[in-house]
């Protein structure tokens, strides 16, 4: 059996305890849709601004970034 709950954004804070409770039940699987992870418009604007003002010196080689990420674990 599948049950779908549509929770409006304005009610999400009220629904979080319910969602966490449902996740704790061993006999249920809780899946959240990609819609739950929308990027706010203000965040997109910040990233777009950083991309516009980026210079070659702003970037790090992937090998260096990967090494830094491994050390943070």
PDB file of N, CA and C in Angstrom:
ATOM      1  N   UNK A   1       0.849  -1.178   0.000  1.00  0.00           N
ATOM      2  CA  UNK A   1       0.000   0.000   0.000  1.00  0.00           C
ATOM      3  C   UNK A   1       0.893   1.239   0.000  1.00  0.00           C
ATOM      4  N   UNK A   2       0.456   2.248  -0.711  1.00  0.00           N
ATOM      5  CA  UNK A   2       1.201   3.500  -0.755  1.00  0.00           C
ATOM      6  C   UNK A   2       0.273   4.628  -0.337  1.00  0.00           C
ATOM      7  N   UNK A   3       0.790   5.511   0.509  1.00  0.00           N
ATOM      8  CA  UNK A   3       0.035   6.661   0.985  1.00  0.00           C
ATOM      9  C   UNK A   3       0.861   7.904   0.691  1.00  0.00           C
ATOM     10  N   UNK A   4       0.261   8.885   0.058  1.00  0.00           N
ATOM     11  CA  UNK A   4       0.968  10.116  -0.296  1.00  0.00           C
ATOM     12  C   UNK A   4       0.394  11.260   0.526  1.00  0.00           C
ATOM     13  N   UNK A   5       1.273  12.004   1.181  1.00  0.00           N
ATOM     14  CA  UNK A   5       0.867  13.186   1.943  1.00  0.00           C
ATOM     15  C   UNK A   5       1.394  14.423   1.228  1.00  0.00           C
ATOM     16  N   UNK A   6       0.546  15.368   0.969  1.00  0.00           N
ATOM     17  CA  UNK A   6       0.970  16.646   0.406  1.00  0.00           C
ATOM     18  C   UNK A   6       0.902  17.677   1.519  1.00  0.00           C
ATOM     19  N   UNK A   7       2.063  18.171   1.910  1.00  0.00           N
ATOM     20  CA  UNK A   7       2.147  19.135   3.010  1.00  0.00           C
ATOM     21  C   UNK A   7       2.571  20.470   2.426  1.00  0.00           C
ATOM     22  N   UNK A   8       1.718  21.484   2.528  1.00  0.00           N
ATOM     23  CA  UNK A   8       2.091  22.799   1.993  1.00  0.00           C
ATOM     24  C   UNK A   8       3.284  23.386   2.755  1.00  0.00           C
ATOM     25  N   UNK A   9       4.071  24.191   2.071  1.00  0.00           N
ATOM     26  CA  UNK A   9       5.262  24.789   2.675  1.00  0.00           C
ATOM     27  C   UNK A   9       4.959  25.490   3.990  1.00  0.00           C
ATOM     28  N   UNK A  10       3.831  26.186   4.052  1.00  0.00           N
ATOM     29  CA  UNK A  10       3.523  26.955   5.267  1.00  0.00           C
ATOM     30  C   UNK A  10       3.249  26.047   6.466  1.00  0.00           C
ATOM     31  N   UNK A  11       2.944  24.777   6.229  1.00  0.00           N
ATOM     32  CA  UNK A  11       2.662  23.845   7.324  1.00  0.00           C
ATOM     33  C   UNK A  11       3.828  22.908   7.603  1.00  0.00           C
ATOM     34  N   UNK A  12       4.932  23.072   6.880  1.00  0.00           N
ATOM     35  CA  UNK A  12       6.041  22.146   6.994  1.00  0.00           C
ATOM     36  C   UNK A  12       6.616  22.085   8.409  1.00  0.00           C
ATOM     37  N   UNK A  13       6.764  23.212   9.070  1.00  0.00           N
ATOM     38  CA  UNK A  13       7.306  23.203  10.431  1.00  0.00           C
ATOM     39  C   UNK A  13       6.399  22.437  11.387  1.00  0.00           C
ATOM     40  N   UNK A  14       5.107  22.541  11.208  1.00  0.00           N
ATOM     41  CA  UNK A  14       4.165  21.801  12.058  1.00  0.00           C
ATOM     42  C   UNK A  14       4.220  20.307  11.741  1.00  0.00           C
ATOM     43  N   UNK A  15       4.526  19.946  10.501  1.00  0.00           N
ATOM     44  CA  UNK A  15       4.518  18.546  10.081  1.00  0.00           C
ATOM     45  C   UNK A  15       5.828  17.820  10.372  1.00  0.00           C
ATOM     46  N   UNK A  16       6.901  18.540  10.654  1.00  0.00           N
ATOM     47  CA  UNK A  16       8.198  17.890  10.866  1.00  0.00           C
ATOM     48  C   UNK A  16       8.158  16.817  11.954  1.00  0.00           C
ATOM     49  N   UNK A  17       7.547  17.052  13.113  1.00  0.00           N
ATOM     50  CA  UNK A  17       7.492  15.974  14.122  1.00  0.00           C
ATOM     51  C   UNK A  17       6.777  14.723  13.594  1.00  0.00           C
ATOM     52  N   UNK A  18       5.722  14.918  12.836  1.00  0.00           N
ATOM     53  CA  UNK A  18       5.012  13.784  12.252  1.00  0.00           C
ATOM     54  C   UNK A  18       5.915  13.027  11.282  1.00  0.00           C
ATOM     55  N   UNK A  19       6.625  13.748  10.443  1.00  0.00           N
ATOM     56  CA  UNK A  19       7.523  13.122   9.478  1.00  0.00           C
ATOM     57  C   UNK A  19       8.613  12.328  10.196  1.00  0.00           C
ATOM     58  N   UNK A  20       9.195  12.923  11.230  1.00  0.00           N
ATOM     59  CA  UNK A  20      10.249  12.231  11.986  1.00  0.00           C
ATOM     60  C   UNK A  20       9.698  10.986  12.679  1.00  0.00           C
ATOM     61  N   UNK A  21       8.483  11.072  13.203  1.00  0.00           N
ATOM     62  CA  UNK A  21       7.854   9.903  13.821  1.00  0.00           C
ATOM     63  C   UNK A  21       7.651   8.795  12.796  1.00  0.00           C
ATOM     64  N   UNK A  22       7.138   9.141  11.631  1.00  0.00           N
ATOM     65  CA  UNK A  22       6.911   8.148  10.591  1.00  0.00           C
ATOM     66  C   UNK A  22       8.219   7.492  10.153  1.00  0.00           C
ATOM     67  N   UNK A  23       9.291   8.270  10.085  1.00  0.00           N
ATOM     68  CA  UNK A  23      10.596   7.720   9.719  1.00  0.00           C
ATOM     69  C   UNK A  23      11.097   6.729  10.766  1.00  0.00           C
ATOM     70  N   UNK A  24      10.709   6.927  12.006  1.00  0.00           N
ATOM     71  CA  UNK A  24      11.196   6.054  13.087  1.00  0.00           C
ATOM     72  C   UNK A  24      10.512   4.685  13.101  1.00  0.00           C
ATOM     73  N   UNK A  25       9.396   4.548  12.419  1.00  0.00           N
ATOM     74  CA  UNK A  25       8.680   3.281  12.386  1.00  0.00           C
ATOM     75  C   UNK A  25       9.380   2.324  11.432  1.00  0.00           C
ATOM     76  N   UNK A  26       9.738   1.161  11.934  1.00  0.00           N
ATOM     77  CA  UNK A  26      10.511   0.201  11.147  1.00  0.00           C
ATOM     78  C   UNK A  26       9.749  -0.346   9.951  1.00  0.00           C
ATOM     79  N   UNK A  27       8.437  -0.379  10.013  1.00  0.00           N
ATOM     80  CA  UNK A  27       7.654  -0.989   8.945  1.00  0.00           C
ATOM     81  C   UNK A  27       7.251  -0.004   7.856  1.00  0.00           C
ATOM     82  N   UNK A  28       7.724   1.240   7.951  1.00  0.00           N
ATOM     83  CA  UNK A  28       7.416   2.257   6.939  1.00  0.00           C
ATOM     84  C   UNK A  28       8.684   2.730   6.252  1.00  0.00           C
ATOM     85  N   UNK A  29       8.535   3.122   5.016  1.00  0.00           N
ATOM     86  CA  UNK A  29       9.592   3.791   4.276  1.00  0.00           C
ATOM     87  C   UNK A  29       9.083   5.182   3.922  1.00  0.00           C
ATOM     88  N   UNK A  30       9.836   6.191   4.303  1.00  0.00           N
ATOM     89  CA  UNK A  30       9.434   7.568   4.029  1.00  0.00           C
ATOM     90  C   UNK A  30      10.322   8.115   2.919  1.00  0.00           C
ATOM     91  N   UNK A  31       9.701   8.557   1.844  1.00  0.00           N
ATOM     92  CA  UNK A  31      10.426   9.155   0.731  1.00  0.00           C
ATOM     93  C   UNK A  31       9.947  10.585   0.554  1.00  0.00           C
ATOM     94  N   UNK A  32      10.893  11.488   0.384  1.00  0.00           N
ATOM     95  CA  UNK A  32      10.543  12.882   0.149  1.00  0.00           C
ATOM     96  C   UNK A  32      10.838  13.202  -1.303  1.00  0.00           C
ATOM     97  N   UNK A  33       9.949  13.947  -1.915  1.00  0.00           N
ATOM     98  CA  UNK A  33      10.132  14.287  -3.322  1.00  0.00           C
ATOM     99  C   UNK A  33      11.173  15.388  -3.476  1.00  0.00           C
ATOM    100  N   UNK A  34      11.662  15.527  -4.679  1.00  0.00           N
ATOM    101  CA  UNK A  34      12.656  16.559  -4.976  1.00  0.00           C
ATOM    102  C   UNK A  34      12.104  17.958  -4.743  1.00  0.00           C
ATOM    103  N   UNK A  35      10.792  18.104  -4.768  1.00  0.00           N
ATOM    104  CA  UNK A  35      10.175  19.410  -4.540  1.00  0.00           C
ATOM    105  C   UNK A  35      10.475  19.931  -3.136  1.00  0.00           C
ATOM    106  N   UNK A  36      10.794  19.035  -2.208  1.00  0.00           N
ATOM    107  CA  UNK A  36      11.091  19.436  -0.838  1.00  0.00           C
ATOM    108  C   UNK A  36      12.423  20.165  -0.730  1.00  0.00           C
ATOM    109  N   UNK A  37      13.227  20.104  -1.787  1.00  0.00           N
ATOM    110  CA  UNK A  37      14.563  20.641  -1.733  1.00  0.00           C
ATOM    111  C   UNK A  37      14.759  21.773  -2.725  1.00  0.00           C
ATOM    112  N   UNK A  38      13.809  22.640  -2.821  1.00  0.00           N
ATOM    113  CA  UNK A  38      13.921  23.769  -3.736  1.00  0.00           C
ATOM    114  C   UNK A  38      14.894  24.799  -3.178  1.00  0.00           C
ATOM    115  N   UNK A  39      15.660  25.370  -4.068  1.00  0.00           N
ATOM    116  CA  UNK A  39      16.631  26.387  -3.678  1.00  0.00           C
ATOM    117  C   UNK A  39      15.926  27.736  -3.654  1.00  0.00           C
ATOM    118  N   UNK A  40      16.037  28.472  -2.538  1.00  0.00           N
ATOM    119  CA  UNK A  40      15.377  29.785  -2.472  1.00  0.00           C
ATOM    120  C   UNK A  40      15.950  30.747  -3.512  1.00  0.00           C
ATOM    121  N   UNK A  41      15.135  31.660  -3.976  1.00  0.00           N
ATOM    122  CA  UNK A  41      15.537  32.608  -5.020  1.00  0.00           C
ATOM    123  C   UNK A  41      16.727  33.460  -4.581  1.00  0.00           C
ATOM    124  N   UNK A  42      16.760  33.880  -3.321  1.00  0.00           N
ATOM    125  CA  UNK A  42      17.870  34.710  -2.847  1.00  0.00           C
ATOM    126  C   UNK A  42      19.188  33.950  -2.930  1.00  0.00           C
ATOM    127  N   UNK A  43      19.136  32.631  -2.713  1.00  0.00           N
ATOM    128  CA  UNK A  43      20.350  31.826  -2.779  1.00  0.00           C
ATOM    129  C   UNK A  43      20.841  31.712  -4.224  1.00  0.00           C
ATOM    130  N   UNK A  44      19.910  31.546  -5.148  1.00  0.00           N
ATOM    131  CA  UNK A  44      20.271  31.500  -6.566  1.00  0.00           C
ATOM    132  C   UNK A  44      20.945  32.797  -6.989  1.00  0.00           C
ATOM    133  N   UNK A  45      20.432  33.926  -6.502  1.00  0.00           N
ATOM    134  CA  UNK A  45      21.004  35.228  -6.865  1.00  0.00           C
ATOM    135  C   UNK A  45      22.431  35.370  -6.347  1.00  0.00           C
ATOM    136  N   UNK A  46      22.684  34.879  -5.138  1.00  0.00           N
ATOM    137  CA  UNK A  46      24.040  34.935  -4.582  1.00  0.00           C
ATOM    138  C   UNK A  46      24.993  34.116  -5.446  1.00  0.00           C
ATOM    139  N   UNK A  47      24.587  32.903  -5.799  1.00  0.00           N
ATOM    140  CA  UNK A  47      25.443  32.033  -6.607  1.00  0.00           C
ATOM    141  C   UNK A  47      25.677  32.641  -7.986  1.00  0.00           C
ATOM    142  N   UNK A  48      24.625  33.163  -8.606  1.00  0.00           N
ATOM    143  CA  UNK A  48      24.778  33.794  -9.918  1.00  0.00           C
ATOM    144  C   UNK A  48      25.749  34.971  -9.846  1.00  0.00           C
ATOM    145  N   UNK A  49      25.662  35.761  -8.783  1.00  0.00           N
ATOM    146  CA  UNK A  49      26.581  36.882  -8.609  1.00  0.00           C
ATOM    147  C   UNK A  49      28.018  36.422  -8.461  1.00  0.00           C
ATOM    148  N   UNK A  50      28.225  35.341  -7.717  1.00  0.00           N
ATOM    149  CA  UNK A  50      29.577  34.809  -7.546  1.00  0.00           C
ATOM    150  C   UNK A  50      30.128  34.269  -8.862  1.00  0.00           C
ATOM    151  N   UNK A  51      29.267  33.649  -9.654  1.00  0.00           N
ATOM    152  CA  UNK A  51      29.705  33.135 -10.951  1.00  0.00           C
ATOM    153  C   UNK A  51      30.111  34.290 -11.865  1.00  0.00           C
ATOM    154  N   UNK A  52      29.311  35.368 -11.865  1.00  0.00           N
ATOM    155  CA  UNK A  52      29.606  36.524 -12.723  1.00  0.00           C
ATOM    156  C   UNK A  52      30.930  37.185 -12.352  1.00  0.00           C
ATOM    157  N   UNK A  53      31.255  37.220 -11.065  1.00  0.00           N
ATOM    158  CA  UNK A  53      32.459  37.927 -10.623  1.00  0.00           C
ATOM    159  C   UNK A  53      33.663  37.008 -10.446  1.00  0.00           C
ATOM    160  N   UNK A  54      33.514  35.727 -10.763  1.00  0.00           N
ATOM    161  CA  UNK A  54      34.612  34.775 -10.584  1.00  0.00           C
ATOM    162  C   UNK A  54      35.745  35.053 -11.568  1.00  0.00           C
ATOM    163  N   UNK A  55      36.940  34.841 -11.085  1.00  0.00           N
ATOM    164  CA  UNK A  55      38.139  34.949 -11.921  1.00  0.00           C
ATOM    165  C   UNK A  55      38.852  33.597 -11.886  1.00  0.00           C
ATOM    166  N   UNK A  56      39.771  33.357 -12.799  1.00  0.00           N
ATOM    167  CA  UNK A  56      40.503  32.081 -12.771  1.00  0.00           C
ATOM    168  C   UNK A  56      41.171  31.809 -11.421  1.00  0.00           C
ATOM    169  N   UNK A  57      41.589  32.875 -10.734  1.00  0.00           N
ATOM    170  CA  UNK A  57      42.233  32.713  -9.430  1.00  0.00           C
ATOM    171  C   UNK A  57      41.248  32.251  -8.354  1.00  0.00           C
ATOM    172  N   UNK A  58      39.942  32.400  -8.619  1.00  0.00           N
ATOM    173  CA  UNK A  58      38.915  32.009  -7.653  1.00  0.00           C
ATOM    174  C   UNK A  58      38.772  30.497  -7.531  1.00  0.00           C
ATOM    175  N   UNK A  59      39.249  29.773  -8.536  1.00  0.00           N
ATOM    176  CA  UNK A  59      39.028  28.331  -8.592  1.00  0.00           C
ATOM    177  C   UNK A  59      40.218  27.558  -8.040  1.00  0.00           C
ATOM    178  N   UNK A  60      39.912  26.406  -7.450  1.00  0.00           N
ATOM    179  CA  UNK A  60      40.942  25.510  -6.944  1.00  0.00           C
ATOM    180  C   UNK A  60      40.940  24.248  -7.802  1.00  0.00           C
ATOM    181  N   UNK A  61      42.073  23.613  -7.955  1.00  0.00           N
ATOM    182  CA  UNK A  61      42.109  22.350  -8.699  1.00  0.00           C
ATOM    183  C   UNK A  61      41.286  21.282  -7.965  1.00  0.00           C
ATOM    184  N   UNK A  62      40.569  20.465  -8.732  1.00  0.00           N
ATOM    185  CA  UNK A  62      39.715  19.432  -8.139  1.00  0.00           C
ATOM    186  C   UNK A  62      40.522  18.494  -7.228  1.00  0.00           C
ATOM    187  N   UNK A  63      41.736  18.163  -7.592  1.00  0.00           N
ATOM    188  CA  UNK A  63      42.550  17.257  -6.771  1.00  0.00           C
ATOM    189  C   UNK A  63      42.784  17.838  -5.375  1.00  0.00           C
ATOM    190  N   UNK A  64      42.985  19.156  -5.304  1.00  0.00           N
ATOM    191  CA  UNK A  64      43.202  19.813  -4.005  1.00  0.00           C
ATOM    192  C   UNK A  64      41.913  19.827  -3.176  1.00  0.00           C
ATOM    193  N   UNK A  65      40.792  20.131  -3.813  1.00  0.00           N
ATOM    194  CA  UNK A  65      39.506  20.159  -3.120  1.00  0.00           C
ATOM    195  C   UNK A  65      39.166  18.767  -2.601  1.00  0.00           C
ATOM    196  N   UNK A  66      39.362  17.757  -3.450  1.00  0.00           N
ATOM    197  CA  UNK A  66      39.059  16.378  -3.061  1.00  0.00           C
ATOM    198  C   UNK A  66      39.899  15.970  -1.846  1.00  0.00           C
ATOM    199  N   UNK A  67      41.164  16.354  -1.835  1.00  0.00           N
ATOM    200  CA  UNK A  67      42.043  16.024  -0.712  1.00  0.00           C
ATOM    201  C   UNK A  67      41.544  16.717   0.563  1.00  0.00           C
ATOM    202  N   UNK A  68      41.121  17.978   0.458  1.00  0.00           N
ATOM    203  CA  UNK A  68      40.610  18.706   1.624  1.00  0.00           C
ATOM    204  C   UNK A  68      39.345  18.059   2.163  1.00  0.00           C
ATOM    205  N   UNK A  69      38.475  17.612   1.272  1.00  0.00           N
ATOM    206  CA  UNK A  69      37.225  16.979   1.701  1.00  0.00           C
ATOM    207  C   UNK A  69      37.485  15.667   2.409  1.00  0.00           C
ATOM    208  N   UNK A  70      38.446  14.893   1.940  1.00  0.00           N
ATOM    209  CA  UNK A  70      38.782  13.620   2.571  1.00  0.00           C
ATOM    210  C   UNK A  70      39.308  13.827   3.985  1.00  0.00           C
ATOM    211  N   UNK A  71      40.053  14.905   4.210  1.00  0.00           N
ATOM    212  CA  UNK A  71      40.627  15.175   5.531  1.00  0.00           C
ATOM    213  C   UNK A  71      39.598  15.679   6.525  1.00  0.00           C
ATOM    214  N   UNK A  72      38.458  16.186   6.053  1.00  0.00           N
ATOM    215  CA  UNK A  72      37.426  16.699   6.958  1.00  0.00           C
ATOM    216  C   UNK A  72      36.572  15.593   7.572  1.00  0.00           C
ATOM    217  N   UNK A  73      36.630  14.392   7.024  1.00  0.00           N
ATOM    218  CA  UNK A  73      35.817  13.283   7.535  1.00  0.00           C
ATOM    219  C   UNK A  73      36.260  12.845   8.845  1.00  0.00           C
TER     220      UNK A  73
END
